[in-house]
Amino acid sequence: MRYRKGGWRRLVRRLVLTLAVIVLTSVALFIFVEKQIEPTLMLIAAQKADQVAKLAITDAVTKRLTQQGVDFHEIIVMEKDNQGNIMAVNFHFEQYSRIVGETTSRIQNRMKEFEEDHVEISVPLGLATKSVFLEHYGPKIPVSLVPVGSVKTRLETRLEQAGINMVLVTVYIYVEVNLRIIIPFATEQKTVTTMIPITEAIIVGKVPDYLYDNPAGKPDVPYPQPEPPANP
């Protein structure tokens, strides 16, 4: 079958027009789907990042405790009156600084591995559809984690009544890290916080109510302050 010269041109124009419509429709559909699933995908990625970061932090703290341990009576100083009643509970400054410094260093090194080793996690694209049937299907979407800023670490305590004139004091390490979560075409910063118990002990003796009955839910145990230099 032969086509006239004008017929070929019309056929080519139709093919080009059809192809352009297909491409534009595909691009529009891709953008629509991306905008629909991006928030859900980022939420899932943030949850995964939170899990991975907390596992890494716990691992770093646990290794520090395994190697050196923590003595409750070395970091907590109790002030008592003549009758043995507890008047105040404070942190020992030197021990506080040592534990916080060593722990912060370990966690920072662990966070650096995220960036240096290009730690990545993946999320099935089907999860973003919120469909039970599709949640395990679809291509894996890479999620990269990049530490942002420095690690914040401090010790905190929690006091609970353990009986008559007895209080259970638990010392925690509070850790806060910032991560940049990167997925294709989107990025978001997330703050990950966790508290890990490192030591505890039962304090026997009458304890003032304000130490463990704080309306804010935290005992009134002040953070240690540097000791002033001795006068020459």
N, C-alpha and C. Protein backbone atom coordinates (compact mmCIF):
# COMPACT_ATOMS: atom_id res chain seq x y z
N MET A 1 0.85 -1.19 0.00
CA MET A 1 0.00 0.00 0.00
C MET A 1 0.89 1.24 0.00
N ARG A 2 0.55 2.19 -0.86
CA ARG A 2 1.34 3.40 -0.95
C ARG A 2 0.58 4.59 -0.34
N TYR A 3 1.35 5.44 0.33
CA TYR A 3 0.76 6.65 0.90
C TYR A 3 1.27 7.86 0.12
N ARG A 4 0.40 8.80 -0.04
CA ARG A 4 0.83 10.05 -0.63
C ARG A 4 1.75 10.78 0.34
N LYS A 5 2.48 11.71 -0.21
CA LYS A 5 3.42 12.47 0.62
C LYS A 5 2.71 13.18 1.75
N GLY A 6 1.54 13.75 1.46
CA GLY A 6 0.77 14.43 2.49
C GLY A 6 0.22 13.47 3.52
N GLY A 7 -0.10 12.21 3.09
CA GLY A 7 -0.60 11.21 4.02
C GLY A 7 0.44 10.82 5.05
N TRP A 8 1.68 10.69 4.63
CA TRP A 8 2.76 10.37 5.57
C TRP A 8 2.92 11.46 6.63
N ARG A 9 2.81 12.68 6.17
CA ARG A 9 2.96 13.79 7.11
C ARG A 9 1.86 13.78 8.16
N ARG A 10 0.62 13.53 7.69
CA ARG A 10 -0.49 13.47 8.64
C ARG A 10 -0.31 12.33 9.64
N LEU A 11 0.20 11.17 9.14
CA LEU A 11 0.44 10.03 10.02
C LEU A 11 1.50 10.34 11.07
N VAL A 12 2.56 10.99 10.63
CA VAL A 12 3.64 11.35 11.56
C VAL A 12 3.13 12.33 12.61
N ARG A 13 2.33 13.33 12.15
CA ARG A 13 1.79 14.30 13.10
C ARG A 13 0.90 13.62 14.13
N ARG A 14 0.10 12.66 13.67
CA ARG A 14 -0.77 11.94 14.59
C ARG A 14 0.03 11.14 15.61
N LEU A 15 1.08 10.48 15.11
CA LEU A 15 1.93 9.70 16.02
C LEU A 15 2.61 10.59 17.05
N VAL A 16 3.13 11.73 16.57
CA VAL A 16 3.80 12.67 17.48
C VAL A 16 2.81 13.21 18.50
N LEU A 17 1.61 13.57 18.02
CA LEU A 17 0.59 14.10 18.92
C LEU A 17 0.17 13.05 19.95
N THR A 18 -0.02 11.81 19.48
CA THR A 18 -0.40 10.73 20.40
C THR A 18 0.69 10.49 21.44
N LEU A 19 1.94 10.47 20.98
CA LEU A 19 3.06 10.27 21.90
C LEU A 19 3.15 11.40 22.92
N ALA A 20 2.94 12.64 22.46
CA ALA A 20 3.00 13.79 23.37
C ALA A 20 1.90 13.71 24.42
N VAL A 21 0.70 13.30 24.00
CA VAL A 21 -0.41 13.15 24.94
C VAL A 21 -0.09 12.09 25.98
N ILE A 22 0.49 10.96 25.52
CA ILE A 22 0.84 9.88 26.45
C ILE A 22 1.89 10.35 27.45
N VAL A 23 2.91 11.05 26.96
CA VAL A 23 3.98 11.52 27.84
C VAL A 23 3.44 12.53 28.85
N LEU A 24 2.66 13.50 28.37
CA LEU A 24 2.12 14.52 29.28
C LEU A 24 1.17 13.90 30.30
N THR A 25 0.36 12.95 29.86
CA THR A 25 -0.55 12.27 30.79
C THR A 25 0.22 11.49 31.84
N SER A 26 1.29 10.82 31.40
CA SER A 26 2.11 10.04 32.34
C SER A 26 2.78 10.95 33.36
N VAL A 27 3.31 12.09 32.88
CA VAL A 27 3.96 13.03 33.78
C VAL A 27 2.96 13.60 34.78
N ALA A 28 1.78 13.98 34.29
CA ALA A 28 0.75 14.53 35.18
C ALA A 28 0.31 13.50 36.21
N LEU A 29 0.15 12.24 35.76
CA LEU A 29 -0.24 11.17 36.67
C LEU A 29 0.85 10.93 37.71
N PHE A 30 2.11 10.97 37.27
CA PHE A 30 3.23 10.76 38.20
C PHE A 30 3.26 11.86 39.25
N ILE A 31 3.08 13.12 38.82
CA ILE A 31 3.10 14.24 39.76
C ILE A 31 1.94 14.13 40.74
N PHE A 32 0.77 13.76 40.23
CA PHE A 32 -0.40 13.62 41.09
C PHE A 32 -0.18 12.54 42.14
N VAL A 33 0.31 11.37 41.70
CA VAL A 33 0.55 10.26 42.63
C VAL A 33 1.61 10.64 43.64
N GLU A 34 2.67 11.33 43.16
CA GLU A 34 3.76 11.73 44.06
C GLU A 34 3.24 12.66 45.16
N LYS A 35 2.43 13.64 44.77
CA LYS A 35 1.89 14.58 45.75
C LYS A 35 0.94 13.90 46.73
N GLN A 36 0.27 12.87 46.26
CA GLN A 36 -0.67 12.17 47.12
C GLN A 36 0.04 11.30 48.15
N ILE A 37 1.11 10.62 47.71
CA ILE A 37 1.76 9.65 48.60
C ILE A 37 2.97 10.22 49.33
N GLU A 38 3.47 11.39 48.89
CA GLU A 38 4.68 11.93 49.51
C GLU A 38 4.54 12.16 51.01
N PRO A 39 3.45 12.79 51.50
CA PRO A 39 3.32 12.98 52.95
C PRO A 39 3.31 11.67 53.72
N THR A 40 2.57 10.69 53.19
CA THR A 40 2.53 9.39 53.86
C THR A 40 3.87 8.70 53.82
N LEU A 41 4.55 8.80 52.68
CA LEU A 41 5.86 8.18 52.53
C LEU A 41 6.87 8.82 53.49
N MET A 42 6.82 10.14 53.63
CA MET A 42 7.73 10.83 54.54
C MET A 42 7.43 10.46 55.99
N LEU A 43 6.16 10.31 56.32
CA LEU A 43 5.78 9.91 57.68
C LEU A 43 6.33 8.53 58.01
N ILE A 44 6.19 7.60 57.07
CA ILE A 44 6.71 6.24 57.27
C ILE A 44 8.23 6.27 57.38
N ALA A 45 8.87 7.07 56.51
CA ALA A 45 10.33 7.18 56.55
C ALA A 45 10.80 7.76 57.88
N ALA A 46 10.06 8.74 58.41
CA ALA A 46 10.42 9.35 59.70
C ALA A 46 10.30 8.34 60.83
N GLN A 47 9.28 7.49 60.77
CA GLN A 47 9.12 6.45 61.79
C GLN A 47 10.27 5.44 61.73
N LYS A 48 10.65 5.07 60.52
CA LYS A 48 11.78 4.15 60.34
C LYS A 48 13.07 4.79 60.86
N ALA A 49 13.26 6.07 60.54
CA ALA A 49 14.45 6.78 60.99
C ALA A 49 14.51 6.85 62.51
N ASP A 50 13.37 7.08 63.14
CA ASP A 50 13.30 7.13 64.60
C ASP A 50 13.73 5.80 65.20
N GLN A 51 13.26 4.70 64.63
CA GLN A 51 13.62 3.37 65.13
C GLN A 51 15.11 3.11 64.98
N VAL A 52 15.64 3.40 63.78
CA VAL A 52 17.06 3.14 63.52
C VAL A 52 17.94 3.99 64.42
N ALA A 53 17.60 5.27 64.58
CA ALA A 53 18.41 6.17 65.41
C ALA A 53 18.40 5.74 66.87
N LYS A 54 17.23 5.37 67.39
CA LYS A 54 17.15 4.95 68.79
C LYS A 54 17.92 3.66 69.03
N LEU A 55 17.89 2.75 68.07
CA LEU A 55 18.68 1.51 68.20
C LEU A 55 20.17 1.83 68.24
N ALA A 56 20.60 2.75 67.39
CA ALA A 56 22.01 3.13 67.36
C ALA A 56 22.42 3.81 68.66
N ILE A 57 21.57 4.69 69.18
CA ILE A 57 21.87 5.38 70.44
C ILE A 57 21.93 4.39 71.59
N THR A 58 20.94 3.51 71.66
CA THR A 58 20.92 2.50 72.73
C THR A 58 22.14 1.61 72.67
N ASP A 59 22.55 1.25 71.46
CA ASP A 59 23.74 0.41 71.29
C ASP A 59 24.98 1.12 71.82
N ALA A 60 25.12 2.40 71.49
CA ALA A 60 26.29 3.16 71.95
C ALA A 60 26.31 3.29 73.46
N VAL A 61 25.16 3.58 74.06
CA VAL A 61 25.08 3.73 75.52
C VAL A 61 25.32 2.39 76.21
N THR A 62 24.74 1.33 75.68
CA THR A 62 24.89 0.00 76.28
C THR A 62 26.35 -0.44 76.28
N LYS A 63 27.05 -0.19 75.19
CA LYS A 63 28.46 -0.56 75.12
C LYS A 63 29.27 0.21 76.15
N ARG A 64 28.94 1.48 76.34
CA ARG A 64 29.65 2.28 77.34
C ARG A 64 29.40 1.73 78.73
N LEU A 65 28.16 1.34 79.03
CA LEU A 65 27.83 0.79 80.34
C LEU A 65 28.48 -0.56 80.55
N THR A 66 28.54 -1.37 79.49
CA THR A 66 29.13 -2.70 79.60
C THR A 66 30.62 -2.61 79.90
N GLN A 67 31.29 -1.66 79.28
CA GLN A 67 32.73 -1.53 79.45
C GLN A 67 33.12 -0.88 80.76
N GLN A 68 32.35 0.11 81.22
CA GLN A 68 32.77 0.88 82.39
C GLN A 68 31.78 0.82 83.55
N GLY A 69 30.53 0.62 83.26
CA GLY A 69 29.54 0.57 84.33
C GLY A 69 29.27 1.93 84.95
N VAL A 70 28.23 1.99 85.76
CA VAL A 70 27.86 3.24 86.45
C VAL A 70 27.49 2.90 87.88
N ASP A 71 28.15 3.54 88.82
CA ASP A 71 27.85 3.35 90.24
C ASP A 71 26.90 4.46 90.69
N PHE A 72 25.74 4.07 91.15
CA PHE A 72 24.72 5.04 91.56
C PHE A 72 25.27 6.02 92.59
N HIS A 73 25.99 5.50 93.57
CA HIS A 73 26.45 6.33 94.68
C HIS A 73 27.63 7.22 94.28
N GLU A 74 28.18 7.02 93.08
CA GLU A 74 29.23 7.90 92.60
C GLU A 74 28.67 9.13 91.89
N ILE A 75 27.47 9.01 91.36
CA ILE A 75 26.92 10.15 90.61
C ILE A 75 25.80 10.87 91.36
N ILE A 76 25.25 10.23 92.38
CA ILE A 76 24.19 10.86 93.18
C ILE A 76 24.71 11.14 94.58
N VAL A 77 24.56 12.38 95.02
CA VAL A 77 24.97 12.80 96.36
C VAL A 77 23.72 13.20 97.14
N MET A 78 23.52 12.56 98.29
CA MET A 78 22.35 12.86 99.13
C MET A 78 22.76 13.64 100.36
N GLU A 79 22.07 14.72 100.61
CA GLU A 79 22.31 15.52 101.80
C GLU A 79 21.25 15.17 102.85
N LYS A 80 21.71 14.81 104.06
CA LYS A 80 20.79 14.40 105.13
C LYS A 80 20.95 15.29 106.35
N ASP A 81 19.89 15.35 107.14
CA ASP A 81 19.97 16.12 108.38
C ASP A 81 20.48 15.22 109.50
N ASN A 82 20.48 15.71 110.73
CA ASN A 82 21.01 14.95 111.86
C ASN A 82 20.21 13.69 112.15
N GLN A 83 18.94 13.66 111.76
CA GLN A 83 18.11 12.48 111.98
C GLN A 83 18.17 11.48 110.82
N GLY A 84 18.97 11.79 109.83
CA GLY A 84 19.10 10.88 108.69
C GLY A 84 18.07 11.09 107.61
N ASN A 85 17.23 12.11 107.75
CA ASN A 85 16.25 12.39 106.72
C ASN A 85 16.91 13.07 105.52
N ILE A 86 16.50 12.70 104.35
CA ILE A 86 17.09 13.24 103.13
C ILE A 86 16.55 14.64 102.89
N MET A 87 17.47 15.60 102.77
CA MET A 87 17.08 16.98 102.55
C MET A 87 17.23 17.39 101.08
N ALA A 88 18.17 16.77 100.38
CA ALA A 88 18.40 17.12 98.97
C ALA A 88 19.11 15.98 98.27
N VAL A 89 18.86 15.89 96.98
CA VAL A 89 19.52 14.90 96.14
C VAL A 89 20.16 15.65 94.98
N ASN A 90 21.46 15.51 94.80
CA ASN A 90 22.18 16.24 93.77
C ASN A 90 23.07 15.30 92.97
N PHE A 91 23.47 15.78 91.80
CA PHE A 91 24.44 15.06 90.99
C PHE A 91 25.85 15.44 91.44
N HIS A 92 26.75 14.47 91.35
CA HIS A 92 28.17 14.74 91.58
C HIS A 92 28.72 15.33 90.28
N PHE A 93 29.24 16.54 90.35
CA PHE A 93 29.62 17.27 89.14
C PHE A 93 30.64 16.51 88.28
N GLU A 94 31.72 16.03 88.89
CA GLU A 94 32.78 15.38 88.11
C GLU A 94 32.27 14.12 87.42
N GLN A 95 31.53 13.29 88.15
CA GLN A 95 31.01 12.06 87.56
C GLN A 95 29.97 12.36 86.49
N TYR A 96 29.15 13.35 86.75
CA TYR A 96 28.15 13.77 85.77
C TYR A 96 28.82 14.17 84.47
N SER A 97 29.83 15.03 84.57
CA SER A 97 30.53 15.52 83.38
C SER A 97 31.21 14.38 82.64
N ARG A 98 31.82 13.46 83.38
CA ARG A 98 32.53 12.35 82.74
C ARG A 98 31.57 11.45 81.97
N ILE A 99 30.47 11.08 82.60
CA ILE A 99 29.51 10.18 81.96
C ILE A 99 28.87 10.84 80.74
N VAL A 100 28.45 12.08 80.90
CA VAL A 100 27.83 12.79 79.78
C VAL A 100 28.82 12.98 78.63
N GLY A 101 30.05 13.34 78.96
CA GLY A 101 31.06 13.55 77.92
C GLY A 101 31.38 12.28 77.15
N GLU A 102 31.61 11.19 77.87
CA GLU A 102 31.93 9.92 77.22
C GLU A 102 30.76 9.41 76.38
N THR A 103 29.56 9.52 76.92
CA THR A 103 28.39 9.05 76.20
C THR A 103 28.14 9.87 74.95
N THR A 104 28.27 11.18 75.07
CA THR A 104 28.07 12.06 73.91
C THR A 104 29.06 11.73 72.81
N SER A 105 30.32 11.50 73.18
CA SER A 105 31.35 11.17 72.19
C SER A 105 31.01 9.87 71.46
N ARG A 106 30.58 8.86 72.20
CA ARG A 106 30.23 7.58 71.57
C ARG A 106 29.05 7.74 70.61
N ILE A 107 28.05 8.48 71.03
CA ILE A 107 26.87 8.65 70.17
C ILE A 107 27.21 9.46 68.93
N GLN A 108 28.04 10.49 69.08
CA GLN A 108 28.44 11.28 67.92
C GLN A 108 29.20 10.42 66.91
N ASN A 109 30.07 9.55 67.40
CA ASN A 109 30.79 8.65 66.50
C ASN A 109 29.83 7.70 65.79
N ARG A 110 28.83 7.24 66.53
CA ARG A 110 27.84 6.34 65.92
C ARG A 110 27.01 7.08 64.88
N MET A 111 26.69 8.33 65.14
CA MET A 111 25.93 9.11 64.17
C MET A 111 26.75 9.42 62.92
N LYS A 112 28.07 9.60 63.09
CA LYS A 112 28.93 9.86 61.93
C LYS A 112 28.91 8.70 60.96
N GLU A 113 28.73 7.49 61.49
CA GLU A 113 28.68 6.32 60.63
C GLU A 113 27.49 6.40 59.68
N PHE A 114 26.42 7.05 60.11
CA PHE A 114 25.26 7.21 59.24
C PHE A 114 25.65 7.93 57.96
N GLU A 115 26.50 8.96 58.11
CA GLU A 115 26.89 9.78 56.96
C GLU A 115 28.05 9.17 56.20
N GLU A 116 29.07 8.70 56.93
CA GLU A 116 30.26 8.16 56.27
C GLU A 116 29.98 6.85 55.56
N ASP A 117 29.17 5.99 56.17
CA ASP A 117 28.86 4.69 55.57
C ASP A 117 27.59 4.73 54.72
N HIS A 118 27.02 5.95 54.57
CA HIS A 118 25.80 6.11 53.77
C HIS A 118 24.73 5.12 54.22
N VAL A 119 24.43 5.16 55.51
CA VAL A 119 23.41 4.27 56.05
C VAL A 119 22.06 4.60 55.41
N GLU A 120 21.44 3.60 54.83
CA GLU A 120 20.16 3.80 54.18
C GLU A 120 19.17 2.73 54.64
N ILE A 121 17.92 3.10 54.65
CA ILE A 121 16.85 2.15 54.90
C ILE A 121 15.90 2.24 53.71
N SER A 122 15.04 1.27 53.56
CA SER A 122 14.11 1.30 52.43
C SER A 122 12.69 1.07 52.92
N VAL A 123 11.76 1.66 52.19
CA VAL A 123 10.34 1.56 52.52
C VAL A 123 9.60 1.07 51.29
N PRO A 124 8.80 0.00 51.39
CA PRO A 124 8.01 -0.45 50.25
C PRO A 124 7.02 0.64 49.82
N LEU A 125 7.00 0.94 48.54
CA LEU A 125 6.12 2.00 48.05
C LEU A 125 4.66 1.69 48.35
N GLY A 126 4.31 0.41 48.40
CA GLY A 126 2.93 0.03 48.67
C GLY A 126 2.43 0.49 50.02
N LEU A 127 3.35 0.69 50.99
CA LEU A 127 2.94 1.16 52.31
C LEU A 127 2.28 2.53 52.24
N ALA A 128 2.76 3.34 51.31
CA ALA A 128 2.24 4.71 51.20
C ALA A 128 0.82 4.76 50.67
N THR A 129 0.34 3.67 50.08
CA THR A 129 -1.02 3.66 49.55
C THR A 129 -2.06 3.39 50.63
N LYS A 130 -1.59 3.01 51.83
CA LYS A 130 -2.47 2.68 52.95
C LYS A 130 -3.40 1.51 52.63
N SER A 131 -2.97 0.68 51.71
CA SER A 131 -3.76 -0.49 51.33
C SER A 131 -3.15 -1.73 51.95
N VAL A 132 -3.98 -2.53 52.61
CA VAL A 132 -3.49 -3.76 53.23
C VAL A 132 -2.95 -4.72 52.18
N PHE A 133 -3.55 -4.71 51.00
CA PHE A 133 -3.16 -5.65 49.95
C PHE A 133 -1.88 -5.22 49.24
N LEU A 134 -1.55 -3.93 49.28
CA LEU A 134 -0.40 -3.43 48.53
C LEU A 134 0.78 -3.04 49.42
N GLU A 135 0.64 -3.13 50.74
CA GLU A 135 1.67 -2.60 51.64
C GLU A 135 3.02 -3.29 51.50
N HIS A 136 3.04 -4.53 51.00
CA HIS A 136 4.32 -5.25 50.84
C HIS A 136 4.80 -5.27 49.40
N TYR A 137 4.12 -4.54 48.53
CA TYR A 137 4.46 -4.58 47.11
C TYR A 137 4.99 -3.23 46.65
N GLY A 138 5.48 -3.23 45.43
CA GLY A 138 6.02 -2.01 44.85
C GLY A 138 7.51 -1.90 45.07
N PRO A 139 8.16 -1.02 44.33
CA PRO A 139 9.61 -0.85 44.46
C PRO A 139 9.99 -0.28 45.82
N LYS A 140 11.18 -0.61 46.27
CA LYS A 140 11.69 -0.07 47.53
C LYS A 140 12.14 1.37 47.33
N ILE A 141 11.72 2.24 48.20
CA ILE A 141 12.11 3.65 48.14
C ILE A 141 13.28 3.87 49.11
N PRO A 142 14.45 4.30 48.62
CA PRO A 142 15.59 4.50 49.52
C PRO A 142 15.39 5.71 50.43
N VAL A 143 15.80 5.55 51.67
CA VAL A 143 15.72 6.62 52.66
C VAL A 143 17.11 6.81 53.26
N SER A 144 17.67 8.00 53.10
CA SER A 144 19.00 8.30 53.63
C SER A 144 18.87 9.13 54.90
N LEU A 145 19.78 8.88 55.85
CA LEU A 145 19.78 9.60 57.12
C LEU A 145 21.10 10.36 57.26
N VAL A 146 21.01 11.66 57.50
CA VAL A 146 22.21 12.49 57.64
C VAL A 146 22.12 13.25 58.97
N PRO A 147 23.08 13.06 59.88
CA PRO A 147 23.06 13.80 61.16
C PRO A 147 23.19 15.30 60.93
N VAL A 148 22.48 16.08 61.73
CA VAL A 148 22.53 17.54 61.64
C VAL A 148 22.85 18.09 63.02
N GLY A 149 23.90 18.90 63.11
CA GLY A 149 24.24 19.51 64.39
C GLY A 149 24.88 18.52 65.34
N SER A 150 24.97 18.91 66.60
CA SER A 150 25.63 18.11 67.62
C SER A 150 24.62 17.33 68.44
N VAL A 151 25.12 16.30 69.10
CA VAL A 151 24.30 15.47 69.98
C VAL A 151 24.13 16.17 71.33
N LYS A 152 22.92 16.20 71.84
CA LYS A 152 22.66 16.78 73.16
C LYS A 152 22.40 15.65 74.15
N THR A 153 23.15 15.65 75.24
CA THR A 153 23.05 14.58 76.23
C THR A 153 23.05 15.18 77.63
N ARG A 154 22.23 14.61 78.50
CA ARG A 154 22.23 15.02 79.91
C ARG A 154 21.67 13.87 80.75
N LEU A 155 21.93 13.95 82.04
CA LEU A 155 21.38 12.96 82.97
C LEU A 155 20.11 13.51 83.60
N GLU A 156 19.15 12.65 83.77
CA GLU A 156 17.91 13.00 84.46
C GLU A 156 17.58 11.91 85.46
N THR A 157 16.75 12.26 86.44
CA THR A 157 16.35 11.28 87.45
C THR A 157 14.84 11.19 87.53
N ARG A 158 14.40 10.06 87.99
CA ARG A 158 12.97 9.86 88.24
C ARG A 158 12.82 9.19 89.60
N LEU A 159 12.01 9.75 90.46
CA LEU A 159 11.81 9.22 91.80
C LEU A 159 10.40 8.66 91.93
N GLU A 160 10.30 7.46 92.48
CA GLU A 160 9.00 6.82 92.70
C GLU A 160 8.96 6.23 94.10
N GLN A 161 7.83 6.36 94.75
CA GLN A 161 7.67 5.76 96.06
C GLN A 161 7.75 4.24 95.95
N ALA A 162 8.54 3.64 96.83
CA ALA A 162 8.71 2.19 96.80
C ALA A 162 8.28 1.55 98.12
N GLY A 163 7.65 2.31 98.96
CA GLY A 163 7.22 1.80 100.26
C GLY A 163 7.25 2.92 101.28
N ILE A 164 7.06 2.55 102.54
CA ILE A 164 7.08 3.54 103.61
C ILE A 164 8.49 4.06 103.79
N ASN A 165 8.65 5.38 103.63
CA ASN A 165 9.97 6.02 103.76
C ASN A 165 11.01 5.38 102.84
N MET A 166 10.59 4.93 101.68
CA MET A 166 11.53 4.38 100.69
C MET A 166 11.18 4.95 99.31
N VAL A 167 12.21 5.33 98.60
CA VAL A 167 12.02 5.91 97.27
C VAL A 167 12.98 5.23 96.29
N LEU A 168 12.45 4.85 95.13
CA LEU A 168 13.28 4.28 94.07
C LEU A 168 13.75 5.43 93.18
N VAL A 169 15.06 5.59 93.10
CA VAL A 169 15.65 6.64 92.27
C VAL A 169 16.29 5.99 91.04
N THR A 170 15.84 6.38 89.87
CA THR A 170 16.39 5.87 88.62
C THR A 170 17.07 7.00 87.87
N VAL A 171 18.29 6.75 87.42
CA VAL A 171 19.05 7.74 86.65
C VAL A 171 18.99 7.37 85.18
N TYR A 172 18.63 8.33 84.35
CA TYR A 172 18.51 8.12 82.91
C TYR A 172 19.51 8.99 82.16
N ILE A 173 19.89 8.52 80.98
CA ILE A 173 20.61 9.37 80.04
C ILE A 173 19.60 9.85 79.01
N TYR A 174 19.44 11.15 78.92
CA TYR A 174 18.55 11.74 77.92
C TYR A 174 19.40 12.13 76.71
N VAL A 175 18.99 11.68 75.53
CA VAL A 175 19.75 11.94 74.31
C VAL A 175 18.84 12.59 73.27
N GLU A 176 19.36 13.60 72.61
CA GLU A 176 18.62 14.28 71.54
C GLU A 176 19.53 14.45 70.33
N VAL A 177 19.10 13.95 69.18
CA VAL A 177 19.86 14.10 67.94
C VAL A 177 18.92 14.60 66.84
N ASN A 178 19.50 15.33 65.90
CA ASN A 178 18.74 15.81 64.75
C ASN A 178 19.21 15.09 63.50
N LEU A 179 18.27 14.60 62.72
CA LEU A 179 18.58 13.88 61.49
C LEU A 179 17.85 14.52 60.33
N ARG A 180 18.53 14.55 59.18
CA ARG A 180 17.86 14.96 57.95
C ARG A 180 17.47 13.69 57.20
N ILE A 181 16.18 13.56 56.97
CA ILE A 181 15.64 12.39 56.27
C ILE A 181 15.49 12.75 54.80
N ILE A 182 16.10 11.95 53.94
CA ILE A 182 16.09 12.24 52.50
C ILE A 182 15.43 11.08 51.75
N ILE A 183 14.35 11.39 51.04
CA ILE A 183 13.73 10.45 50.13
C ILE A 183 13.72 11.10 48.75
N PRO A 184 13.49 10.35 47.69
CA PRO A 184 13.48 10.97 46.35
C PRO A 184 12.52 12.16 46.29
N PHE A 185 13.04 13.30 45.87
CA PHE A 185 12.28 14.53 45.65
C PHE A 185 11.79 15.19 46.94
N ALA A 186 12.26 14.77 48.09
CA ALA A 186 11.79 15.40 49.33
C ALA A 186 12.82 15.20 50.44
N THR A 187 12.83 16.13 51.38
CA THR A 187 13.72 16.02 52.54
C THR A 187 13.04 16.68 53.74
N GLU A 188 13.38 16.21 54.92
CA GLU A 188 12.76 16.72 56.14
C GLU A 188 13.70 16.49 57.31
N GLN A 189 13.70 17.42 58.27
CA GLN A 189 14.53 17.27 59.46
C GLN A 189 13.68 16.76 60.62
N LYS A 190 14.23 15.83 61.37
CA LYS A 190 13.51 15.23 62.49
C LYS A 190 14.39 15.20 63.72
N THR A 191 13.81 15.51 64.86
CA THR A 191 14.51 15.42 66.13
C THR A 191 14.13 14.11 66.81
N VAL A 192 15.14 13.32 67.13
CA VAL A 192 14.93 12.03 67.79
C VAL A 192 15.39 12.15 69.24
N THR A 193 14.53 11.81 70.18
CA THR A 193 14.88 11.84 71.60
C THR A 193 14.60 10.49 72.23
N THR A 194 15.40 10.14 73.20
CA THR A 194 15.19 8.89 73.93
C THR A 194 15.81 9.01 75.31
N MET A 195 15.29 8.23 76.25
CA MET A 195 15.82 8.18 77.61
C MET A 195 16.15 6.73 77.94
N ILE A 196 17.38 6.50 78.38
CA ILE A 196 17.85 5.14 78.66
C ILE A 196 18.25 5.05 80.13
N PRO A 197 17.65 4.15 80.90
CA PRO A 197 18.04 4.00 82.31
C PRO A 197 19.44 3.43 82.43
N ILE A 198 20.26 3.99 83.32
CA ILE A 198 21.63 3.51 83.46
C ILE A 198 21.93 2.96 84.85
N THR A 199 21.19 3.39 85.86
CA THR A 199 21.40 2.86 87.21
C THR A 199 20.22 3.28 88.08
N GLU A 200 20.03 2.55 89.17
CA GLU A 200 18.95 2.88 90.10
C GLU A 200 19.29 2.35 91.48
N ALA A 201 18.59 2.87 92.47
CA ALA A 201 18.81 2.42 93.85
C ALA A 201 17.62 2.82 94.70
N ILE A 202 17.44 2.07 95.78
CA ILE A 202 16.39 2.38 96.76
C ILE A 202 16.99 3.28 97.84
N ILE A 203 16.36 4.43 98.06
CA ILE A 203 16.79 5.34 99.12
C ILE A 203 15.87 5.12 100.31
N VAL A 204 16.46 4.78 101.45
CA VAL A 204 15.69 4.54 102.66
C VAL A 204 15.78 5.78 103.55
N GLY A 205 14.64 6.26 103.96
CA GLY A 205 14.60 7.46 104.79
C GLY A 205 13.50 8.38 104.31
N LYS A 206 13.08 9.28 105.17
CA LYS A 206 12.03 10.20 104.82
C LYS A 206 12.53 11.18 103.77
N VAL A 207 11.76 11.29 102.68
CA VAL A 207 12.15 12.16 101.57
C VAL A 207 11.12 13.28 101.43
N PRO A 208 11.55 14.53 101.30
CA PRO A 208 10.60 15.63 101.12
C PRO A 208 9.70 15.40 99.91
N ASP A 209 8.43 15.79 100.04
CA ASP A 209 7.47 15.57 98.96
C ASP A 209 7.89 16.23 97.66
N TYR A 210 8.50 17.39 97.73
CA TYR A 210 8.79 18.13 96.51
C TYR A 210 9.80 17.40 95.62
N LEU A 211 10.53 16.42 96.20
CA LEU A 211 11.52 15.71 95.40
C LEU A 211 10.88 14.73 94.42
N TYR A 212 9.74 14.15 94.78
CA TYR A 212 9.15 13.17 93.88
C TYR A 212 7.69 13.44 93.55
N ASP A 213 7.11 14.47 94.18
CA ASP A 213 5.71 14.78 93.92
C ASP A 213 5.62 16.09 93.15
N ASN A 214 6.47 16.24 92.15
CA ASN A 214 6.52 17.45 91.35
C ASN A 214 5.37 17.46 90.36
N PRO A 215 4.58 18.54 90.27
CA PRO A 215 3.45 18.58 89.34
C PRO A 215 3.87 18.38 87.89
N ALA A 216 5.12 18.75 87.56
CA ALA A 216 5.59 18.60 86.18
C ALA A 216 5.98 17.18 85.86
N GLY A 217 5.96 16.31 86.87
CA GLY A 217 6.28 14.92 86.62
C GLY A 217 7.75 14.59 86.75
N LYS A 218 8.57 15.58 87.10
CA LYS A 218 9.99 15.34 87.24
C LYS A 218 10.44 15.76 88.64
N PRO A 219 11.35 15.05 89.22
CA PRO A 219 11.85 15.43 90.54
C PRO A 219 12.69 16.68 90.47
N ASP A 220 12.73 17.39 91.56
CA ASP A 220 13.48 18.63 91.60
C ASP A 220 14.94 18.34 91.96
N VAL A 221 15.62 17.66 91.05
CA VAL A 221 17.04 17.39 91.25
C VAL A 221 17.82 18.31 90.33
N PRO A 222 18.52 19.28 90.86
CA PRO A 222 19.19 20.26 90.01
C PRO A 222 20.37 19.66 89.26
N TYR A 223 20.67 20.24 88.10
CA TYR A 223 21.85 19.83 87.36
C TYR A 223 23.09 20.35 88.08
N PRO A 224 24.18 19.62 88.02
CA PRO A 224 25.38 20.04 88.74
C PRO A 224 25.97 21.30 88.16
N GLN A 225 26.51 22.13 89.02
CA GLN A 225 27.18 23.34 88.60
C GLN A 225 28.67 23.21 88.90
N PRO A 226 29.51 23.78 88.03
CA PRO A 226 30.96 23.71 88.28
C PRO A 226 31.31 24.30 89.62
N GLU A 227 32.19 23.62 90.31
CA GLU A 227 32.61 24.12 91.62
C GLU A 227 33.53 25.32 91.44
N PRO A 228 33.33 26.37 92.24
CA PRO A 228 34.19 27.56 92.11
C PRO A 228 35.62 27.22 92.52
N PRO A 229 36.59 27.84 91.86
CA PRO A 229 37.99 27.57 92.21
C PRO A 229 38.30 28.01 93.62
N ALA A 230 39.16 27.25 94.27
CA ALA A 230 39.54 27.57 95.65
C ALA A 230 40.36 28.85 95.69
N ASN A 231 40.15 29.61 96.76
CA ASN A 231 40.91 30.85 96.92
C ASN A 231 42.37 30.52 97.22
N PRO A 232 43.29 31.22 96.58
CA PRO A 232 44.72 30.96 96.86
C PRO A 232 45.10 31.38 98.28
